[in-house]
Amino acid sequence: MNTAIIMLASNSDRENNIIRARERLADFFEIIAQSNVLDTEPVGKKYKNRFLNQALKILADDTAKIATLHFKHIENEMGRSAATNKQGIVPIDIDLIFWNGEQRRNDYDRFEFVRQCVDEIS
């Protein structure tokens, strides 16, 4: 069994999309911990709306590569596309931050809100 920490983010129908993403993730993974949801300013000029962010700790039977494919499938299913990205609209973003304790993205080092969420459930 693998343990992962992932970050959820949404700036469009934020509350509903965070809830829907957790529900869809629960179809593939066991969610064993979740941080509080943070309301944050957008980072980057193309994003106009505020984000909701949340960290989840999950258990996965699959490899990190397969887990990431599940994340991308859920993002696409929930309306994320190249067109929405270009418009600065993020229905849902699911990023793998840690896999079995190994850092996979530098978001933890770059963003205080990621550290805050992740540290809450670590």
PDB file of N, CA and C in Angstrom:
ATOM      1  N   MET A   1       0.852  -1.174   0.000  1.00  0.00           N
ATOM      2  CA  MET A   1       0.000   0.000   0.000  1.00  0.00           C
ATOM      3  C   MET A   1       0.898   1.237   0.000  1.00  0.00           C
ATOM      4  N   ASN A   2       0.557   2.191  -0.833  1.00  0.00           N
ATOM      5  CA  ASN A   2       1.293   3.440  -0.952  1.00  0.00           C
ATOM      6  C   ASN A   2       0.521   4.565  -0.282  1.00  0.00           C
ATOM      7  N   THR A   3       1.266   5.509   0.284  1.00  0.00           N
ATOM      8  CA  THR A   3       0.670   6.682   0.901  1.00  0.00           C
ATOM      9  C   THR A   3       1.049   7.902   0.078  1.00  0.00           C
ATOM     10  N   ALA A   4       0.060   8.728  -0.216  1.00  0.00           N
ATOM     11  CA  ALA A   4       0.295   9.941  -0.991  1.00  0.00           C
ATOM     12  C   ALA A   4      -0.364  11.125  -0.303  1.00  0.00           C
ATOM     13  N   ILE A   5       0.242  12.283  -0.512  1.00  0.00           N
ATOM     14  CA  ILE A   5      -0.391  13.539  -0.121  1.00  0.00           C
ATOM     15  C   ILE A   5      -0.599  14.327  -1.397  1.00  0.00           C
ATOM     16  N   ILE A   6      -1.846  14.727  -1.597  1.00  0.00           N
ATOM     17  CA  ILE A   6      -2.215  15.457  -2.808  1.00  0.00           C
ATOM     18  C   ILE A   6      -2.846  16.784  -2.420  1.00  0.00           C
ATOM     19  N   MET A   7      -2.805  17.724  -3.354  1.00  0.00           N
ATOM     20  CA  MET A   7      -3.454  19.020  -3.167  1.00  0.00           C
ATOM     21  C   MET A   7      -4.593  19.153  -4.158  1.00  0.00           C
ATOM     22  N   LEU A   8      -5.720  19.638  -3.665  1.00  0.00           N
ATOM     23  CA  LEU A   8      -6.856  19.989  -4.502  1.00  0.00           C
ATOM     24  C   LEU A   8      -6.931  21.506  -4.574  1.00  0.00           C
ATOM     25  N   ALA A   9      -7.317  22.019  -5.735  1.00  0.00           N
ATOM     26  CA  ALA A   9      -7.516  23.459  -5.889  1.00  0.00           C
ATOM     27  C   ALA A   9      -8.637  23.697  -6.883  1.00  0.00           C
ATOM     28  N   SER A  10      -9.431  24.738  -6.627  1.00  0.00           N
ATOM     29  CA  SER A  10     -10.509  25.109  -7.540  1.00  0.00           C
ATOM     30  C   SER A  10     -10.767  26.604  -7.434  1.00  0.00           C
ATOM     31  N   ASN A  11     -11.003  27.244  -8.595  1.00  0.00           N
ATOM     32  CA  ASN A  11     -11.399  28.655  -8.584  1.00  0.00           C
ATOM     33  C   ASN A  11     -12.708  28.876  -9.347  1.00  0.00           C
ATOM     34  N   SER A  12     -13.451  27.802  -9.558  1.00  0.00           N
ATOM     35  CA  SER A  12     -14.728  27.858 -10.270  1.00  0.00           C
ATOM     36  C   SER A  12     -15.701  26.916  -9.574  1.00  0.00           C
ATOM     37  N   ASP A  13     -16.843  27.439  -9.120  1.00  0.00           N
ATOM     38  CA  ASP A  13     -17.788  26.644  -8.323  1.00  0.00           C
ATOM     39  C   ASP A  13     -16.998  25.901  -7.240  1.00  0.00           C
ATOM     40  N   ARG A  14     -16.202  26.650  -6.542  1.00  0.00           N
ATOM     41  CA  ARG A  14     -15.147  26.139  -5.685  1.00  0.00           C
ATOM     42  C   ARG A  14     -15.595  25.105  -4.651  1.00  0.00           C
ATOM     43  N   GLU A  15     -16.595  25.417  -3.867  1.00  0.00           N
ATOM     44  CA  GLU A  15     -17.013  24.505  -2.805  1.00  0.00           C
ATOM     45  C   GLU A  15     -17.497  23.181  -3.386  1.00  0.00           C
ATOM     46  N   ASN A  16     -18.378  23.280  -4.378  1.00  0.00           N
ATOM     47  CA  ASN A  16     -18.922  22.058  -4.986  1.00  0.00           C
ATOM     48  C   ASN A  16     -17.844  21.230  -5.665  1.00  0.00           C
ATOM     49  N   ASN A  17     -16.905  21.877  -6.332  1.00  0.00           N
ATOM     50  CA  ASN A  17     -15.871  21.122  -7.037  1.00  0.00           C
ATOM     51  C   ASN A  17     -14.888  20.449  -6.090  1.00  0.00           C
ATOM     52  N   ILE A  18     -14.579  21.070  -4.974  1.00  0.00           N
ATOM     53  CA  ILE A  18     -13.719  20.406  -3.978  1.00  0.00           C
ATOM     54  C   ILE A  18     -14.438  19.169  -3.428  1.00  0.00           C
ATOM     55  N   ILE A  19     -15.714  19.304  -3.121  1.00  0.00           N
ATOM     56  CA  ILE A  19     -16.497  18.168  -2.612  1.00  0.00           C
ATOM     57  C   ILE A  19     -16.577  17.061  -3.658  1.00  0.00           C
ATOM     58  N   ARG A  20     -16.907  17.427  -4.893  1.00  0.00           N
ATOM     59  CA  ARG A  20     -17.011  16.429  -5.965  1.00  0.00           C
ATOM     60  C   ARG A  20     -15.685  15.709  -6.195  1.00  0.00           C
ATOM     61  N   ALA A  21     -14.604  16.449  -6.150  1.00  0.00           N
ATOM     62  CA  ALA A  21     -13.290  15.830  -6.351  1.00  0.00           C
ATOM     63  C   ALA A  21     -12.994  14.816  -5.247  1.00  0.00           C
ATOM     64  N   ARG A  22     -13.281  15.171  -4.000  1.00  0.00           N
ATOM     65  CA  ARG A  22     -13.073  14.211  -2.905  1.00  0.00           C
ATOM     66  C   ARG A  22     -13.918  12.964  -3.109  1.00  0.00           C
ATOM     67  N   GLU A  23     -15.170  13.149  -3.533  1.00  0.00           N
ATOM     68  CA  GLU A  23     -16.048  12.001  -3.775  1.00  0.00           C
ATOM     69  C   GLU A  23     -15.499  11.108  -4.878  1.00  0.00           C
ATOM     70  N   ARG A  24     -15.035  11.710  -5.967  1.00  0.00           N
ATOM     71  CA  ARG A  24     -14.470  10.920  -7.082  1.00  0.00           C
ATOM     72  C   ARG A  24     -13.177  10.235  -6.684  1.00  0.00           C
ATOM     73  N   LEU A  25     -12.330  10.928  -5.931  1.00  0.00           N
ATOM     74  CA  LEU A  25     -11.084  10.324  -5.472  1.00  0.00           C
ATOM     75  C   LEU A  25     -11.360   9.118  -4.588  1.00  0.00           C
ATOM     76  N   ALA A  26     -12.425   9.193  -3.786  1.00  0.00           N
ATOM     77  CA  ALA A  26     -12.781   8.078  -2.906  1.00  0.00           C
ATOM     78  C   ALA A  26     -13.193   6.839  -3.694  1.00  0.00           C
ATOM     79  N   ASP A  27     -13.525   6.997  -4.977  1.00  0.00           N
ATOM     80  CA  ASP A  27     -13.817   5.835  -5.824  1.00  0.00           C
ATOM     81  C   ASP A  27     -12.560   5.037  -6.147  1.00  0.00           C
ATOM     82  N   PHE A  28     -11.389   5.672  -6.068  1.00  0.00           N
ATOM     83  CA  PHE A  28     -10.123   5.036  -6.436  1.00  0.00           C
ATOM     84  C   PHE A  28      -9.180   4.820  -5.254  1.00  0.00           C
ATOM     85  N   PHE A  29      -9.311   5.641  -4.223  1.00  0.00           N
ATOM     86  CA  PHE A  29      -8.357   5.656  -3.121  1.00  0.00           C
ATOM     87  C   PHE A  29      -9.089   5.726  -1.789  1.00  0.00           C
ATOM     88  N   GLU A  30      -8.401   5.320  -0.740  1.00  0.00           N
ATOM     89  CA  GLU A  30      -8.915   5.521   0.611  1.00  0.00           C
ATOM     90  C   GLU A  30      -8.362   6.853   1.120  1.00  0.00           C
ATOM     91  N   ILE A  31      -9.241   7.772   1.458  1.00  0.00           N
ATOM     92  CA  ILE A  31      -8.827   9.062   2.010  1.00  0.00           C
ATOM     93  C   ILE A  31      -8.713   8.887   3.522  1.00  0.00           C
ATOM     94  N   ILE A  32      -7.493   9.062   4.044  1.00  0.00           N
ATOM     95  CA  ILE A  32      -7.270   8.813   5.471  1.00  0.00           C
ATOM     96  C   ILE A  32      -7.113  10.098   6.286  1.00  0.00           C
ATOM     97  N   ALA A  33      -6.918  11.222   5.620  1.00  0.00           N
ATOM     98  CA  ALA A  33      -6.843  12.505   6.326  1.00  0.00           C
ATOM     99  C   ALA A  33      -7.106  13.624   5.336  1.00  0.00           C
ATOM    100  N   GLN A  34      -7.664  14.706   5.842  1.00  0.00           N
ATOM    101  CA  GLN A  34      -7.881  15.876   5.003  1.00  0.00           C
ATOM    102  C   GLN A  34      -7.661  17.135   5.835  1.00  0.00           C
ATOM    103  N   SER A  35      -7.014  18.112   5.199  1.00  0.00           N
ATOM    104  CA  SER A  35      -6.762  19.378   5.872  1.00  0.00           C
ATOM    105  C   SER A  35      -8.018  20.233   5.844  1.00  0.00           C
ATOM    106  N   ASN A  36      -7.971  21.336   6.557  1.00  0.00           N
ATOM    107  CA  ASN A  36      -8.997  22.351   6.391  1.00  0.00           C
ATOM    108  C   ASN A  36      -8.893  22.902   4.979  1.00  0.00           C
ATOM    109  N   VAL A  37      -9.973  23.499   4.504  1.00  0.00           N
ATOM    110  CA  VAL A  37      -9.990  24.119   3.188  1.00  0.00           C
ATOM    111  C   VAL A  37      -9.576  25.578   3.355  1.00  0.00           C
ATOM    112  N   LEU A  38      -8.580  25.986   2.564  1.00  0.00           N
ATOM    113  CA  LEU A  38      -8.097  27.372   2.621  1.00  0.00           C
ATOM    114  C   LEU A  38      -8.595  28.160   1.423  1.00  0.00           C
ATOM    115  N   ASP A  39      -8.972  29.396   1.659  1.00  0.00           N
ATOM    116  CA  ASP A  39      -9.354  30.339   0.614  1.00  0.00           C
ATOM    117  C   ASP A  39      -8.129  31.214   0.354  1.00  0.00           C
ATOM    118  N   THR A  40      -7.609  31.172  -0.885  1.00  0.00           N
ATOM    119  CA  THR A  40      -6.354  31.860  -1.183  1.00  0.00           C
ATOM    120  C   THR A  40      -6.465  32.753  -2.417  1.00  0.00           C
ATOM    121  N   GLU A  41      -5.590  33.737  -2.452  1.00  0.00           N
ATOM    122  CA  GLU A  41      -5.455  34.604  -3.621  1.00  0.00           C
ATOM    123  C   GLU A  41      -4.876  33.789  -4.778  1.00  0.00           C
ATOM    124  N   PRO A  42      -5.249  34.120  -6.006  1.00  0.00           N
ATOM    125  CA  PRO A  42      -4.650  33.423  -7.150  1.00  0.00           C
ATOM    126  C   PRO A  42      -3.174  33.787  -7.297  1.00  0.00           C
ATOM    127  N   VAL A  43      -2.387  32.832  -7.762  1.00  0.00           N
ATOM    128  CA  VAL A  43      -0.973  33.051  -8.045  1.00  0.00           C
ATOM    129  C   VAL A  43      -0.817  33.036  -9.557  1.00  0.00           C
ATOM    130  N   GLY A  44      -0.388  34.132 -10.126  1.00  0.00           N
ATOM    131  CA  GLY A  44      -0.242  34.222 -11.581  1.00  0.00           C
ATOM    132  C   GLY A  44      -1.292  35.157 -12.161  1.00  0.00           C
ATOM    133  N   LYS A  45      -0.902  35.845 -13.209  1.00  0.00           N
ATOM    134  CA  LYS A  45      -1.766  36.874 -13.803  1.00  0.00           C
ATOM    135  C   LYS A  45      -2.994  36.326 -14.506  1.00  0.00           C
ATOM    136  N   LYS A  46      -2.928  35.093 -15.007  1.00  0.00           N
ATOM    137  CA  LYS A  46      -4.065  34.599 -15.788  1.00  0.00           C
ATOM    138  C   LYS A  46      -5.252  34.194 -14.915  1.00  0.00           C
ATOM    139  N   TYR A  47      -5.020  33.975 -13.621  1.00  0.00           N
ATOM    140  CA  TYR A  47      -6.099  33.564 -12.725  1.00  0.00           C
ATOM    141  C   TYR A  47      -6.733  34.791 -12.087  1.00  0.00           C
ATOM    142  N   LYS A  48      -8.029  34.954 -12.254  1.00  0.00           N
ATOM    143  CA  LYS A  48      -8.744  36.119 -11.733  1.00  0.00           C
ATOM    144  C   LYS A  48      -9.470  35.820 -10.420  1.00  0.00           C
ATOM    145  N   ASN A  49      -9.938  34.598 -10.266  1.00  0.00           N
ATOM    146  CA  ASN A  49     -10.765  34.244  -9.110  1.00  0.00           C
ATOM    147  C   ASN A  49      -9.926  33.632  -7.996  1.00  0.00           C
ATOM    148  N   ARG A  50     -10.383  33.810  -6.775  1.00  0.00           N
ATOM    149  CA  ARG A  50      -9.755  33.188  -5.613  1.00  0.00           C
ATOM    150  C   ARG A  50      -9.898  31.668  -5.693  1.00  0.00           C
ATOM    151  N   PHE A  51      -9.006  30.979  -5.019  1.00  0.00           N
ATOM    152  CA  PHE A  51      -8.996  29.514  -4.998  1.00  0.00           C
ATOM    153  C   PHE A  51      -9.409  28.984  -3.637  1.00  0.00           C
ATOM    154  N   LEU A  52      -9.985  27.795  -3.638  1.00  0.00           N
ATOM    155  CA  LEU A  52     -10.064  26.965  -2.445  1.00  0.00           C
ATOM    156  C   LEU A  52      -9.019  25.870  -2.630  1.00  0.00           C
ATOM    157  N   ASN A  53      -8.298  25.556  -1.553  1.00  0.00           N
ATOM    158  CA  ASN A  53      -7.231  24.559  -1.578  1.00  0.00           C
ATOM    159  C   ASN A  53      -7.396  23.619  -0.397  1.00  0.00           C
ATOM    160  N   GLN A  54      -7.072  22.348  -0.628  1.00  0.00           N
ATOM    161  CA  GLN A  54      -7.143  21.360   0.442  1.00  0.00           C
ATOM    162  C   GLN A  54      -6.134  20.253   0.163  1.00  0.00           C
ATOM    163  N   ALA A  55      -5.495  19.766   1.223  1.00  0.00           N
ATOM    164  CA  ALA A  55      -4.607  18.611   1.117  1.00  0.00           C
ATOM    165  C   ALA A  55      -5.350  17.370   1.588  1.00  0.00           C
ATOM    166  N   LEU A  56      -5.099  16.269   0.900  1.00  0.00           N
ATOM    167  CA  LEU A  56      -5.636  14.968   1.292  1.00  0.00           C
ATOM    168  C   LEU A  56      -4.490  13.981   1.417  1.00  0.00           C
ATOM    169  N   LYS A  57      -4.574  13.114   2.411  1.00  0.00           N
ATOM    170  CA  LYS A  57      -3.657  11.975   2.499  1.00  0.00           C
ATOM    171  C   LYS A  57      -4.461  10.759   2.073  1.00  0.00           C
ATOM    172  N   ILE A  58      -3.927  10.032   1.103  1.00  0.00           N
ATOM    173  CA  ILE A  58      -4.654   8.895   0.553  1.00  0.00           C
ATOM    174  C   ILE A  58      -3.783   7.641   0.587  1.00  0.00           C
ATOM    175  N   LEU A  59      -4.448   6.497   0.561  1.00  0.00           N
ATOM    176  CA  LEU A  59      -3.789   5.211   0.385  1.00  0.00           C
ATOM    177  C   LEU A  59      -4.103   4.724  -1.023  1.00  0.00           C
ATOM    178  N   ALA A  60      -3.070   4.224  -1.702  1.00  0.00           N
ATOM    179  CA  ALA A  60      -3.229   3.798  -3.095  1.00  0.00           C
ATOM    180  C   ALA A  60      -2.598   2.426  -3.298  1.00  0.00           C
ATOM    181  N   ASP A  61      -3.324   1.563  -3.983  1.00  0.00           N
ATOM    182  CA  ASP A  61      -2.776   0.264  -4.373  1.00  0.00           C
ATOM    183  C   ASP A  61      -1.902   0.389  -5.611  1.00  0.00           C
ATOM    184  N   ASP A  62      -2.176   1.406  -6.416  1.00  0.00           N
ATOM    185  CA  ASP A  62      -1.507   1.588  -7.699  1.00  0.00           C
ATOM    186  C   ASP A  62      -0.145   2.260  -7.544  1.00  0.00           C
ATOM    187  N   THR A  63       0.558   2.372  -8.661  1.00  0.00           N
ATOM    188  CA  THR A  63       1.807   3.120  -8.709  1.00  0.00           C
ATOM    189  C   THR A  63       1.486   4.613  -8.747  1.00  0.00           C
ATOM    190  N   ALA A  64       2.505   5.428  -8.540  1.00  0.00           N
ATOM    191  CA  ALA A  64       2.325   6.879  -8.623  1.00  0.00           C
ATOM    192  C   ALA A  64       1.858   7.277 -10.016  1.00  0.00           C
ATOM    193  N   LYS A  65       2.382   6.617 -11.037  1.00  0.00           N
ATOM    194  CA  LYS A  65       1.998   6.942 -12.413  1.00  0.00           C
ATOM    195  C   LYS A  65       0.512   6.660 -12.646  1.00  0.00           C
ATOM    196  N   ILE A  66       0.033   5.529 -12.194  1.00  0.00           N
ATOM    197  CA  ILE A  66      -1.392   5.180 -12.359  1.00  0.00           C
ATOM    198  C   ILE A  66      -2.256   6.122 -11.522  1.00  0.00           C
ATOM    199  N   ALA A  67      -1.826   6.428 -10.306  1.00  0.00           N
ATOM    200  CA  ALA A  67      -2.588   7.361  -9.465  1.00  0.00           C
ATOM    201  C   ALA A  67      -2.722   8.708 -10.166  1.00  0.00           C
ATOM    202  N   THR A  68      -1.636   9.190 -10.749  1.00  0.00           N
ATOM    203  CA  THR A  68      -1.668  10.473 -11.456  1.00  0.00           C
ATOM    204  C   THR A  68      -2.609  10.419 -12.656  1.00  0.00           C
ATOM    205  N   LEU A  69      -2.673   9.292 -13.329  1.00  0.00           N
ATOM    206  CA  LEU A  69      -3.629   9.137 -14.428  1.00  0.00           C
ATOM    207  C   LEU A  69      -5.067   9.237 -13.918  1.00  0.00           C
ATOM    208  N   HIS A  70      -5.338   8.674 -12.746  1.00  0.00           N
ATOM    209  CA  HIS A  70      -6.672   8.826 -12.134  1.00  0.00           C
ATOM    210  C   HIS A  70      -6.956  10.305 -11.845  1.00  0.00           C
ATOM    211  N   PHE A  71      -5.952  11.024 -11.333  1.00  0.00           N
ATOM    212  CA  PHE A  71      -6.139  12.455 -11.043  1.00  0.00           C
ATOM    213  C   PHE A  71      -6.499  13.210 -12.312  1.00  0.00           C
ATOM    214  N   LYS A  72      -5.763  12.954 -13.393  1.00  0.00           N
ATOM    215  CA  LYS A  72      -5.999  13.657 -14.662  1.00  0.00           C
ATOM    216  C   LYS A  72      -7.377  13.300 -15.232  1.00  0.00           C
ATOM    217  N   HIS A  73      -7.780  12.046 -15.079  1.00  0.00           N
ATOM    218  CA  HIS A  73      -9.109  11.630 -15.543  1.00  0.00           C
ATOM    219  C   HIS A  73     -10.196  12.400 -14.792  1.00  0.00           C
ATOM    220  N   ILE A  74     -10.049  12.519 -13.479  1.00  0.00           N
ATOM    221  CA  ILE A  74     -11.033  13.250 -12.676  1.00  0.00           C
ATOM    222  C   ILE A  74     -11.047  14.721 -13.075  1.00  0.00           C
ATOM    223  N   GLU A  75      -9.871  15.315 -13.270  1.00  0.00           N
ATOM    224  CA  GLU A  75      -9.803  16.712 -13.702  1.00  0.00           C
ATOM    225  C   GLU A  75     -10.561  16.904 -15.021  1.00  0.00           C
ATOM    226  N   ASN A  76     -10.299  16.033 -15.984  1.00  0.00           N
ATOM    227  CA  ASN A  76     -10.973  16.135 -17.287  1.00  0.00           C
ATOM    228  C   ASN A  76     -12.477  15.932 -17.152  1.00  0.00           C
ATOM    229  N   GLU A  77     -12.867  14.950 -16.387  1.00  0.00           N
ATOM    230  CA  GLU A  77     -14.277  14.650 -16.155  1.00  0.00           C
ATOM    231  C   GLU A  77     -15.007  15.844 -15.530  1.00  0.00           C
ATOM    232  N   MET A  78     -14.297  16.605 -14.708  1.00  0.00           N
ATOM    233  CA  MET A  78     -14.906  17.741 -14.024  1.00  0.00           C
ATOM    234  C   MET A  78     -14.784  19.038 -14.822  1.00  0.00           C
ATOM    235  N   GLY A  79     -14.290  18.943 -16.053  1.00  0.00           N
ATOM    236  CA  GLY A  79     -14.315  20.095 -16.940  1.00  0.00           C
ATOM    237  C   GLY A  79     -13.001  20.812 -17.145  1.00  0.00           C
ATOM    238  N   ARG A  80     -11.922  20.301 -16.611  1.00  0.00           N
ATOM    239  CA  ARG A  80     -10.622  20.946 -16.830  1.00  0.00           C
ATOM    240  C   ARG A  80     -10.133  20.626 -18.235  1.00  0.00           C
ATOM    241  N   SER A  81      -9.672  21.641 -18.926  1.00  0.00           N
ATOM    242  CA  SER A  81      -9.210  21.458 -20.305  1.00  0.00           C
ATOM    243  C   SER A  81      -8.198  22.549 -20.634  1.00  0.00           C
ATOM    244  N   ALA A  82      -7.583  22.435 -21.794  1.00  0.00           N
ATOM    245  CA  ALA A  82      -6.651  23.468 -22.255  1.00  0.00           C
ATOM    246  C   ALA A  82      -7.381  24.809 -22.384  1.00  0.00           C
ATOM    247  N   ALA A  83      -8.630  24.763 -22.842  1.00  0.00           N
ATOM    248  CA  ALA A  83      -9.407  26.000 -23.016  1.00  0.00           C
ATOM    249  C   ALA A  83      -9.691  26.674 -21.673  1.00  0.00           C
ATOM    250  N   THR A  84     -10.086  25.893 -20.662  1.00  0.00           N
ATOM    251  CA  THR A  84     -10.358  26.497 -19.354  1.00  0.00           C
ATOM    252  C   THR A  84      -9.072  27.019 -18.738  1.00  0.00           C
ATOM    253  N   ASN A  85      -7.970  26.275 -18.910  1.00  0.00           N
ATOM    254  CA  ASN A  85      -6.680  26.747 -18.384  1.00  0.00           C
ATOM    255  C   ASN A  85      -6.301  28.082 -19.002  1.00  0.00           C
ATOM    256  N   LYS A  86      -6.498  28.205 -20.305  1.00  0.00           N
ATOM    257  CA  LYS A  86      -6.153  29.440 -21.009  1.00  0.00           C
ATOM    258  C   LYS A  86      -6.973  30.619 -20.475  1.00  0.00           C
ATOM    259  N   GLN A  87      -8.216  30.342 -20.073  1.00  0.00           N
ATOM    260  CA  GLN A  87      -9.100  31.380 -19.538  1.00  0.00           C
ATOM    261  C   GLN A  87      -8.840  31.666 -18.055  1.00  0.00           C
ATOM    262  N   GLY A  88      -7.970  30.875 -17.443  1.00  0.00           N
ATOM    263  CA  GLY A  88      -7.699  31.051 -16.018  1.00  0.00           C
ATOM    264  C   GLY A  88      -8.750  30.422 -15.124  1.00  0.00           C
ATOM    265  N   ILE A  89      -9.549  29.516 -15.694  1.00  0.00           N
ATOM    266  CA  ILE A  89     -10.605  28.828 -14.943  1.00  0.00           C
ATOM    267  C   ILE A  89     -10.104  27.427 -14.594  1.00  0.00           C
ATOM    268  N   VAL A  90     -10.159  27.097 -13.309  1.00  0.00           N
ATOM    269  CA  VAL A  90      -9.697  25.794 -12.847  1.00  0.00           C
ATOM    270  C   VAL A  90     -10.831  25.130 -12.074  1.00  0.00           C
ATOM    271  N   PRO A  91     -11.656  24.318 -12.776  1.00  0.00           N
ATOM    272  CA  PRO A  91     -12.712  23.611 -12.049  1.00  0.00           C
ATOM    273  C   PRO A  91     -12.121  22.760 -10.926  1.00  0.00           C
ATOM    274  N   ILE A  92     -11.035  22.028 -11.237  1.00  0.00           N
ATOM    275  CA  ILE A  92     -10.323  21.259 -10.215  1.00  0.00           C
ATOM    276  C   ILE A  92      -8.908  21.002 -10.705  1.00  0.00           C
ATOM    277  N   ASP A  93      -7.987  21.083  -9.772  1.00  0.00           N
ATOM    278  CA  ASP A  93      -6.591  20.731 -10.009  1.00  0.00           C
ATOM    279  C   ASP A  93      -6.224  19.741  -8.921  1.00  0.00           C
ATOM    280  N   ILE A  94      -5.625  18.627  -9.303  1.00  0.00           N
ATOM    281  CA  ILE A  94      -5.210  17.603  -8.348  1.00  0.00           C
ATOM    282  C   ILE A  94      -3.732  17.334  -8.594  1.00  0.00           C
ATOM    283  N   ASP A  95      -2.907  17.678  -7.614  1.00  0.00           N
ATOM    284  CA  ASP A  95      -1.463  17.521  -7.757  1.00  0.00           C
ATOM    285  C   ASP A  95      -0.911  16.572  -6.708  1.00  0.00           C
ATOM    286  N   LEU A  96      -0.028  15.690  -7.152  1.00  0.00           N
ATOM    287  CA  LEU A  96       0.673  14.770  -6.263  1.00  0.00           C
ATOM    288  C   LEU A  96       1.861  15.513  -5.654  1.00  0.00           C
ATOM    289  N   ILE A  97       1.837  15.707  -4.349  1.00  0.00           N
ATOM    290  CA  ILE A  97       2.886  16.448  -3.663  1.00  0.00           C
ATOM    291  C   ILE A  97       3.922  15.491  -3.065  1.00  0.00           C
ATOM    292  N   PHE A  98       3.469  14.462  -2.345  1.00  0.00           N
ATOM    293  CA  PHE A  98       4.368  13.461  -1.758  1.00  0.00           C
ATOM    294  C   PHE A  98       3.854  12.067  -2.100  1.00  0.00           C
ATOM    295  N   TRP A  99       4.782  11.173  -2.384  1.00  0.00           N
ATOM    296  CA  TRP A  99       4.477   9.765  -2.630  1.00  0.00           C
ATOM    297  C   TRP A  99       5.395   8.946  -1.731  1.00  0.00           C
ATOM    298  N   ASN A 100       4.799   8.227  -0.783  1.00  0.00           N
ATOM    299  CA  ASN A 100       5.576   7.443   0.182  1.00  0.00           C
ATOM    300  C   ASN A 100       6.689   8.282   0.814  1.00  0.00           C
ATOM    301  N   GLY A 101       6.350   9.515   1.165  1.00  0.00           N
ATOM    302  CA  GLY A 101       7.282  10.404   1.838  1.00  0.00           C
ATOM    303  C   GLY A 101       8.246  11.143   0.928  1.00  0.00           C
ATOM    304  N   GLU A 102       8.275  10.798  -0.349  1.00  0.00           N
ATOM    305  CA  GLU A 102       9.173  11.456  -1.299  1.00  0.00           C
ATOM    306  C   GLU A 102       8.456  12.620  -1.967  1.00  0.00           C
ATOM    307  N   GLN A 103       9.071  13.793  -1.894  1.00  0.00           N
ATOM    308  CA  GLN A 103       8.459  14.980  -2.498  1.00  0.00           C
ATOM    309  C   GLN A 103       8.487  14.848  -4.020  1.00  0.00           C
ATOM    310  N   ARG A 104       7.323  15.053  -4.659  1.00  0.00           N
ATOM    311  CA  ARG A 104       7.189  14.921  -6.104  1.00  0.00           C
ATOM    312  C   ARG A 104       7.031  16.246  -6.825  1.00  0.00           C
ATOM    313  N   ARG A 105       6.637  17.297  -6.110  1.00  0.00           N
ATOM    314  CA  ARG A 105       6.480  18.641  -6.700  1.00  0.00           C
ATOM    315  C   ARG A 105       7.087  19.644  -5.736  1.00  0.00           C
ATOM    316  N   ASN A 106       7.627  20.720  -6.284  1.00  0.00           N
ATOM    317  CA  ASN A 106       8.223  21.727  -5.415  1.00  0.00           C
ATOM    318  C   ASN A 106       7.183  22.707  -4.866  1.00  0.00           C
ATOM    319  N   ASP A 107       5.906  22.448  -5.085  1.00  0.00           N
ATOM    320  CA  ASP A 107       4.848  23.320  -4.553  1.00  0.00           C
ATOM    321  C   ASP A 107       4.946  23.451  -3.035  1.00  0.00           C
ATOM    322  N   TYR A 108       5.371  22.385  -2.373  1.00  0.00           N
ATOM    323  CA  TYR A 108       5.500  22.424  -0.914  1.00  0.00           C
ATOM    324  C   TYR A 108       6.519  23.489  -0.507  1.00  0.00           C
ATOM    325  N   ASP A 109       7.585  23.624  -1.255  1.00  0.00           N
ATOM    326  CA  ASP A 109       8.620  24.612  -0.957  1.00  0.00           C
ATOM    327  C   ASP A 109       8.245  26.013  -1.441  1.00  0.00           C
ATOM    328  N   ARG A 110       7.450  26.094  -2.494  1.00  0.00           N
ATOM    329  CA  ARG A 110       7.137  27.378  -3.136  1.00  0.00           C
ATOM    330  C   ARG A 110       5.986  28.132  -2.497  1.00  0.00           C
ATOM    331  N   PHE A 111       4.979  27.414  -1.993  1.00  0.00           N
ATOM    332  CA  PHE A 111       3.738  28.064  -1.583  1.00  0.00           C
ATOM    333  C   PHE A 111       3.423  27.800  -0.112  1.00  0.00           C
ATOM    334  N   GLU A 112       3.238  28.866   0.648  1.00  0.00           N
ATOM    335  CA  GLU A 112       2.913  28.752   2.071  1.00  0.00           C
ATOM    336  C   GLU A 112       1.601  27.993   2.282  1.00  0.00           C
ATOM    337  N   PHE A 113       0.595  28.231   1.424  1.00  0.00           N
ATOM    338  CA  PHE A 113      -0.702  27.561   1.619  1.00  0.00           C
ATOM    339  C   PHE A 113      -0.579  26.051   1.428  1.00  0.00           C
ATOM    340  N   VAL A 114       0.311  25.601   0.546  1.00  0.00           N
ATOM    341  CA  VAL A 114       0.532  24.155   0.365  1.00  0.00           C
ATOM    342  C   VAL A 114       1.179  23.595   1.623  1.00  0.00           C
ATOM    343  N   ARG A 115       2.213  24.266   2.126  1.00  0.00           N
ATOM    344  CA  ARG A 115       2.870  23.818   3.364  1.00  0.00           C
ATOM    345  C   ARG A 115       1.883  23.753   4.515  1.00  0.00           C
ATOM    346  N   GLN A 116       1.049  24.785   4.631  1.00  0.00           N
ATOM    347  CA  GLN A 116       0.079  24.830   5.721  1.00  0.00           C
ATOM    348  C   GLN A 116      -0.879  23.646   5.655  1.00  0.00           C
ATOM    349  N   CYS A 117      -1.424  23.374   4.477  1.00  0.00           N
ATOM    350  CA  CYS A 117      -2.364  22.255   4.316  1.00  0.00           C
ATOM    351  C   CYS A 117      -1.679  20.906   4.546  1.00  0.00           C
ATOM    352  N   VAL A 118      -0.523  20.726   3.931  1.00  0.00           N
ATOM    353  CA  VAL A 118       0.189  19.448   4.033  1.00  0.00           C
ATOM    354  C   VAL A 118       0.644  19.200   5.476  1.00  0.00           C
ATOM    355  N   ASP A 119       1.208  20.217   6.107  1.00  0.00           N
ATOM    356  CA  ASP A 119       1.696  20.036   7.488  1.00  0.00           C
ATOM    357  C   ASP A 119       0.561  19.690   8.445  1.00  0.00           C
ATOM    358  N   GLU A 120      -0.626  20.167   8.149  1.00  0.00           N
ATOM    359  CA  GLU A 120      -1.786  19.888   8.993  1.00  0.00           C
ATOM    360  C   GLU A 120      -2.112  18.386   9.039  1.00  0.00           C
ATOM    361  N   ILE A 121      -1.832  17.663   7.967  1.00  0.00           N
ATOM    362  CA  ILE A 121      -2.196  16.238   7.915  1.00  0.00           C
ATOM    363  C   ILE A 121      -0.986  15.312   7.942  1.00  0.00           C
ATOM    364  N   SER A 122       0.212  15.867   8.042  1.00  0.00           N
ATOM    365  CA  SER A 122       1.430  15.031   8.061  1.00  0.00           C
ATOM    366  C   SER A 122       1.704  14.495   9.441  1.00  0.00           C
TER     367      SER A 122
END
